[in-house]
Amino acid sequence: MQDVVVIGVGLAGLSAAVGLADAGLRFTALEAAERLGGRASSWTDQATGDVVDIGPHVMRTEYCNMLAVLDRLGTRDLIHAAAPHQRPGRLDPPRHASEGRPPRRPAPRTLTPA
Protein backbone atom coordinates (compact mmCIF):
# COMPACT_ATOMS: atom_id res chain seq x y z
CA MET A 1 0.00 0.00 0.00
CA GLN A 2 1.25 3.47 -0.89
CA ASP A 3 1.23 6.43 1.50
CA VAL A 4 1.00 9.08 -1.25
CA VAL A 5 0.26 9.41 -4.96
CA VAL A 6 2.22 12.07 -6.85
CA ILE A 7 0.31 13.16 -9.95
CA GLY A 8 2.51 14.79 -12.56
CA VAL A 9 6.25 14.30 -12.44
CA GLY A 10 7.61 17.61 -13.67
CA LEU A 11 10.06 19.52 -11.51
CA ALA A 12 7.52 19.97 -8.70
CA GLY A 13 6.47 16.31 -8.76
CA LEU A 14 10.10 15.15 -8.85
CA SER A 15 10.87 17.41 -5.89
CA ALA A 16 7.88 16.02 -3.99
CA ALA A 17 8.95 12.44 -4.77
CA VAL A 18 12.48 13.09 -3.51
CA GLY A 19 11.12 14.59 -0.28
CA LEU A 20 8.72 11.68 0.21
CA ALA A 21 11.46 9.13 -0.37
CA ASP A 22 13.78 10.94 2.05
CA ALA A 23 11.00 10.88 4.65
CA GLY A 24 10.66 7.10 4.21
CA LEU A 25 7.18 7.29 2.71
CA ARG A 26 5.99 4.96 -0.04
CA PHE A 27 4.55 6.65 -3.08
CA THR A 28 3.38 6.09 -6.61
CA ALA A 29 4.27 8.73 -9.20
CA LEU A 30 1.92 9.07 -12.18
CA GLU A 31 2.96 10.89 -15.35
CA ALA A 32 0.96 11.11 -18.59
CA ALA A 33 3.96 11.97 -20.77
CA GLU A 34 6.51 9.45 -22.04
CA ARG A 35 9.27 10.96 -19.90
CA LEU A 36 9.68 12.64 -16.54
CA GLY A 37 10.67 16.27 -15.98
CA GLY A 38 7.75 18.22 -17.43
CA ARG A 39 8.98 21.16 -19.47
CA ALA A 40 12.57 20.61 -18.40
CA SER A 41 14.22 18.60 -21.16
CA SER A 42 16.67 18.74 -24.03
CA TRP A 43 16.47 18.33 -27.79
CA THR A 44 19.09 18.09 -30.50
CA ASP A 45 19.19 20.77 -33.19
CA GLN A 46 19.19 18.83 -36.46
CA ALA A 47 21.17 21.50 -38.33
CA THR A 48 24.02 21.91 -35.84
CA GLY A 49 23.87 18.78 -33.71
CA ASP A 50 23.90 20.99 -30.60
CA VAL A 51 21.95 19.85 -27.56
CA VAL A 52 19.51 22.58 -26.55
CA ASP A 53 18.23 22.57 -22.98
CA ILE A 54 14.75 23.88 -22.25
CA GLY A 55 12.94 24.40 -18.98
CA PRO A 56 14.14 26.77 -16.28
CA HIS A 57 16.16 29.33 -18.22
CA VAL A 58 17.37 31.18 -15.17
CA MET A 59 18.83 29.43 -12.16
CA ARG A 60 19.77 31.93 -9.50
CA THR A 61 21.67 31.17 -6.33
CA GLU A 62 18.63 32.40 -4.37
CA TYR A 63 16.65 29.32 -5.56
CA CYS A 64 17.83 27.32 -2.55
CA ASN A 65 15.05 24.70 -2.70
CA MET A 66 15.75 23.85 -6.34
CA LEU A 67 19.49 23.77 -5.70
CA ALA A 68 18.90 21.47 -2.71
CA VAL A 69 16.97 19.05 -4.93
CA LEU A 70 19.76 19.13 -7.50
CA ASP A 71 22.28 18.45 -4.70
CA ARG A 72 20.16 15.53 -3.45
CA LEU A 73 19.97 14.06 -6.98
CA GLY A 74 23.68 14.61 -7.58
CA THR A 75 23.08 16.82 -10.61
CA ARG A 76 23.95 20.30 -9.35
CA ASP A 77 27.35 20.14 -11.05
CA LEU A 78 25.54 19.96 -14.40
CA ILE A 79 24.41 23.59 -14.01
CA HIS A 80 26.85 25.96 -15.70
CA ALA A 81 26.98 29.71 -15.15
CA ALA A 82 26.47 31.88 -18.18
CA ALA A 83 29.27 34.14 -19.30
CA PRO A 84 28.97 37.64 -17.77
CA HIS A 85 27.67 39.16 -21.02
CA GLN A 86 24.88 36.54 -21.16
CA ARG A 87 23.51 37.06 -17.66
CA PRO A 88 20.01 38.52 -17.30
CA GLY A 89 19.88 42.04 -15.97
CA ARG A 90 23.45 42.83 -17.01
CA LEU A 91 23.95 46.46 -17.84
CA ASP A 92 27.15 47.24 -19.70
CA PRO A 93 28.48 49.51 -18.34
CA PRO A 94 26.51 49.27 -15.07
CA ARG A 95 24.08 52.15 -14.66
CA HIS A 96 22.90 51.70 -11.10
CA ALA A 97 24.30 51.11 -7.66
CA SER A 98 24.06 47.33 -7.75
CA GLU A 99 26.82 47.23 -10.42
CA GLY A 100 25.06 45.29 -13.15
CA ARG A 101 22.91 43.10 -10.96
CA PRO A 102 19.16 43.04 -11.57
CA PRO A 103 17.36 45.60 -9.43
CA ARG A 104 15.52 44.27 -6.37
CA ARG A 105 11.89 43.99 -7.39
CA PRO A 106 9.08 41.80 -6.10
CA ALA A 107 8.36 38.57 -8.04
CA PRO A 108 7.66 38.14 -10.88
CA ARG A 109 9.52 41.28 -11.94
CA THR A 110 12.90 40.37 -10.51
CA LEU A 111 14.56 40.50 -13.93
CA THR A 112 12.81 43.51 -15.45
CA PRO A 113 14.86 46.57 -16.34
CA ALA A 114 14.96 49.45 -13.85
C-alpha atoms as a PDB file:
ATOM      1  CA  MET A   1       0.000   0.000   0.000  1.00  0.00           C
ATOM      2  CA  GLN A   2       1.248   3.471  -0.892  1.00  0.00           C
ATOM      3  CA  ASP A   3       1.234   6.428   1.498  1.00  0.00           C
ATOM      4  CA  VAL A   4       0.998   9.081  -1.247  1.00  0.00           C
ATOM      5  CA  VAL A   5       0.257   9.410  -4.956  1.00  0.00           C
ATOM      6  CA  VAL A   6       2.219  12.066  -6.850  1.00  0.00           C
ATOM      7  CA  ILE A   7       0.308  13.161  -9.948  1.00  0.00           C
ATOM      8  CA  GLY A   8       2.512  14.787 -12.555  1.00  0.00           C
ATOM      9  CA  VAL A   9       6.248  14.299 -12.439  1.00  0.00           C
ATOM     10  CA  GLY A  10       7.608  17.612 -13.675  1.00  0.00           C
ATOM     11  CA  LEU A  11      10.059  19.517 -11.507  1.00  0.00           C
ATOM     12  CA  ALA A  12       7.524  19.974  -8.702  1.00  0.00           C
ATOM     13  CA  GLY A  13       6.471  16.313  -8.765  1.00  0.00           C
ATOM     14  CA  LEU A  14      10.099  15.149  -8.851  1.00  0.00           C
ATOM     15  CA  SER A  15      10.874  17.412  -5.889  1.00  0.00           C
ATOM     16  CA  ALA A  16       7.882  16.020  -3.993  1.00  0.00           C
ATOM     17  CA  ALA A  17       8.946  12.442  -4.770  1.00  0.00           C
ATOM     18  CA  VAL A  18      12.481  13.093  -3.509  1.00  0.00           C
ATOM     19  CA  GLY A  19      11.118  14.586  -0.283  1.00  0.00           C
ATOM     20  CA  LEU A  20       8.721  11.683   0.214  1.00  0.00           C
ATOM     21  CA  ALA A  21      11.462   9.128  -0.365  1.00  0.00           C
ATOM     22  CA  ASP A  22      13.780  10.945   2.046  1.00  0.00           C
ATOM     23  CA  ALA A  23      11.004  10.880   4.650  1.00  0.00           C
ATOM     24  CA  GLY A  24      10.656   7.105   4.210  1.00  0.00           C
ATOM     25  CA  LEU A  25       7.178   7.285   2.707  1.00  0.00           C
ATOM     26  CA  ARG A  26       5.993   4.957  -0.035  1.00  0.00           C
ATOM     27  CA  PHE A  27       4.550   6.653  -3.080  1.00  0.00           C
ATOM     28  CA  THR A  28       3.382   6.091  -6.614  1.00  0.00           C
ATOM     29  CA  ALA A  29       4.272   8.731  -9.203  1.00  0.00           C
ATOM     30  CA  LEU A  30       1.919   9.071 -12.181  1.00  0.00           C
ATOM     31  CA  GLU A  31       2.956  10.892 -15.351  1.00  0.00           C
ATOM     32  CA  ALA A  32       0.959  11.111 -18.594  1.00  0.00           C
ATOM     33  CA  ALA A  33       3.963  11.974 -20.766  1.00  0.00           C
ATOM     34  CA  GLU A  34       6.505   9.451 -22.037  1.00  0.00           C
ATOM     35  CA  ARG A  35       9.268  10.957 -19.897  1.00  0.00           C
ATOM     36  CA  LEU A  36       9.683  12.640 -16.536  1.00  0.00           C
ATOM     37  CA  GLY A  37      10.667  16.271 -15.980  1.00  0.00           C
ATOM     38  CA  GLY A  38       7.749  18.220 -17.429  1.00  0.00           C
ATOM     39  CA  ARG A  39       8.980  21.163 -19.471  1.00  0.00           C
ATOM     40  CA  ALA A  40      12.571  20.609 -18.397  1.00  0.00           C
ATOM     41  CA  SER A  41      14.218  18.596 -21.159  1.00  0.00           C
ATOM     42  CA  SER A  42      16.672  18.739 -24.029  1.00  0.00           C
ATOM     43  CA  TRP A  43      16.473  18.331 -27.789  1.00  0.00           C
ATOM     44  CA  THR A  44      19.095  18.092 -30.499  1.00  0.00           C
ATOM     45  CA  ASP A  45      19.189  20.768 -33.191  1.00  0.00           C
ATOM     46  CA  GLN A  46      19.191  18.827 -36.460  1.00  0.00           C
ATOM     47  CA  ALA A  47      21.169  21.498 -38.332  1.00  0.00           C
ATOM     48  CA  THR A  48      24.017  21.909 -35.836  1.00  0.00           C
ATOM     49  CA  GLY A  49      23.871  18.777 -33.707  1.00  0.00           C
ATOM     50  CA  ASP A  50      23.902  20.989 -30.598  1.00  0.00           C
ATOM     51  CA  VAL A  51      21.953  19.850 -27.556  1.00  0.00           C
ATOM     52  CA  VAL A  52      19.513  22.584 -26.547  1.00  0.00           C
ATOM     53  CA  ASP A  53      18.229  22.567 -22.979  1.00  0.00           C
ATOM     54  CA  ILE A  54      14.748  23.882 -22.254  1.00  0.00           C
ATOM     55  CA  GLY A  55      12.936  24.396 -18.977  1.00  0.00           C
ATOM     56  CA  PRO A  56      14.137  26.772 -16.279  1.00  0.00           C
ATOM     57  CA  HIS A  57      16.157  29.327 -18.216  1.00  0.00           C
ATOM     58  CA  VAL A  58      17.372  31.180 -15.170  1.00  0.00           C
ATOM     59  CA  MET A  59      18.830  29.432 -12.161  1.00  0.00           C
ATOM     60  CA  ARG A  60      19.769  31.934  -9.496  1.00  0.00           C
ATOM     61  CA  THR A  61      21.668  31.172  -6.327  1.00  0.00           C
ATOM     62  CA  GLU A  62      18.630  32.400  -4.366  1.00  0.00           C
ATOM     63  CA  TYR A  63      16.650  29.324  -5.556  1.00  0.00           C
ATOM     64  CA  CYS A  64      17.830  27.320  -2.549  1.00  0.00           C
ATOM     65  CA  ASN A  65      15.054  24.700  -2.704  1.00  0.00           C
ATOM     66  CA  MET A  66      15.751  23.851  -6.339  1.00  0.00           C
ATOM     67  CA  LEU A  67      19.490  23.768  -5.697  1.00  0.00           C
ATOM     68  CA  ALA A  68      18.903  21.470  -2.709  1.00  0.00           C
ATOM     69  CA  VAL A  69      16.971  19.048  -4.928  1.00  0.00           C
ATOM     70  CA  LEU A  70      19.762  19.129  -7.502  1.00  0.00           C
ATOM     71  CA  ASP A  71      22.281  18.446  -4.702  1.00  0.00           C
ATOM     72  CA  ARG A  72      20.163  15.530  -3.447  1.00  0.00           C
ATOM     73  CA  LEU A  73      19.972  14.060  -6.976  1.00  0.00           C
ATOM     74  CA  GLY A  74      23.679  14.615  -7.585  1.00  0.00           C
ATOM     75  CA  THR A  75      23.081  16.821 -10.612  1.00  0.00           C
ATOM     76  CA  ARG A  76      23.950  20.302  -9.354  1.00  0.00           C
ATOM     77  CA  ASP A  77      27.351  20.141 -11.046  1.00  0.00           C
ATOM     78  CA  LEU A  78      25.541  19.965 -14.403  1.00  0.00           C
ATOM     79  CA  ILE A  79      24.412  23.595 -14.011  1.00  0.00           C
ATOM     80  CA  HIS A  80      26.847  25.958 -15.704  1.00  0.00           C
ATOM     81  CA  ALA A  81      26.983  29.708 -15.152  1.00  0.00           C
ATOM     82  CA  ALA A  82      26.474  31.883 -18.178  1.00  0.00           C
ATOM     83  CA  ALA A  83      29.267  34.143 -19.305  1.00  0.00           C
ATOM     84  CA  PRO A  84      28.968  37.639 -17.770  1.00  0.00           C
ATOM     85  CA  HIS A  85      27.675  39.160 -21.018  1.00  0.00           C
ATOM     86  CA  GLN A  86      24.876  36.540 -21.158  1.00  0.00           C
ATOM     87  CA  ARG A  87      23.512  37.056 -17.658  1.00  0.00           C
ATOM     88  CA  PRO A  88      20.014  38.524 -17.298  1.00  0.00           C
ATOM     89  CA  GLY A  89      19.881  42.045 -15.970  1.00  0.00           C
ATOM     90  CA  ARG A  90      23.446  42.826 -17.009  1.00  0.00           C
ATOM     91  CA  LEU A  91      23.950  46.464 -17.840  1.00  0.00           C
ATOM     92  CA  ASP A  92      27.154  47.238 -19.700  1.00  0.00           C
ATOM     93  CA  PRO A  93      28.477  49.506 -18.340  1.00  0.00           C
ATOM     94  CA  PRO A  94      26.510  49.268 -15.073  1.00  0.00           C
ATOM     95  CA  ARG A  95      24.084  52.154 -14.658  1.00  0.00           C
ATOM     96  CA  HIS A  96      22.898  51.698 -11.095  1.00  0.00           C
ATOM     97  CA  ALA A  97      24.303  51.115  -7.662  1.00  0.00           C
ATOM     98  CA  SER A  98      24.063  47.329  -7.749  1.00  0.00           C
ATOM     99  CA  GLU A  99      26.816  47.229 -10.418  1.00  0.00           C
ATOM    100  CA  GLY A 100      25.063  45.293 -13.155  1.00  0.00           C
ATOM    101  CA  ARG A 101      22.909  43.103 -10.962  1.00  0.00           C
ATOM    102  CA  PRO A 102      19.163  43.039 -11.566  1.00  0.00           C
ATOM    103  CA  PRO A 103      17.362  45.604  -9.426  1.00  0.00           C
ATOM    104  CA  ARG A 104      15.517  44.271  -6.374  1.00  0.00           C
ATOM    105  CA  ARG A 105      11.887  43.989  -7.390  1.00  0.00           C
ATOM    106  CA  PRO A 106       9.076  41.799  -6.095  1.00  0.00           C
ATOM    107  CA  ALA A 107       8.363  38.572  -8.036  1.00  0.00           C
ATOM    108  CA  PRO A 108       7.657  38.135 -10.882  1.00  0.00           C
ATOM    109  CA  ARG A 109       9.519  41.277 -11.941  1.00  0.00           C
ATOM    110  CA  THR A 110      12.901  40.367 -10.507  1.00  0.00           C
ATOM    111  CA  LEU A 111      14.563  40.499 -13.931  1.00  0.00           C
ATOM    112  CA  THR A 112      12.810  43.510 -15.454  1.00  0.00           C
ATOM    113  CA  PRO A 113      14.861  46.569 -16.336  1.00  0.00           C
ATOM    114  CA  ALA A 114      14.960  49.448 -13.851  1.00  0.00           C
END
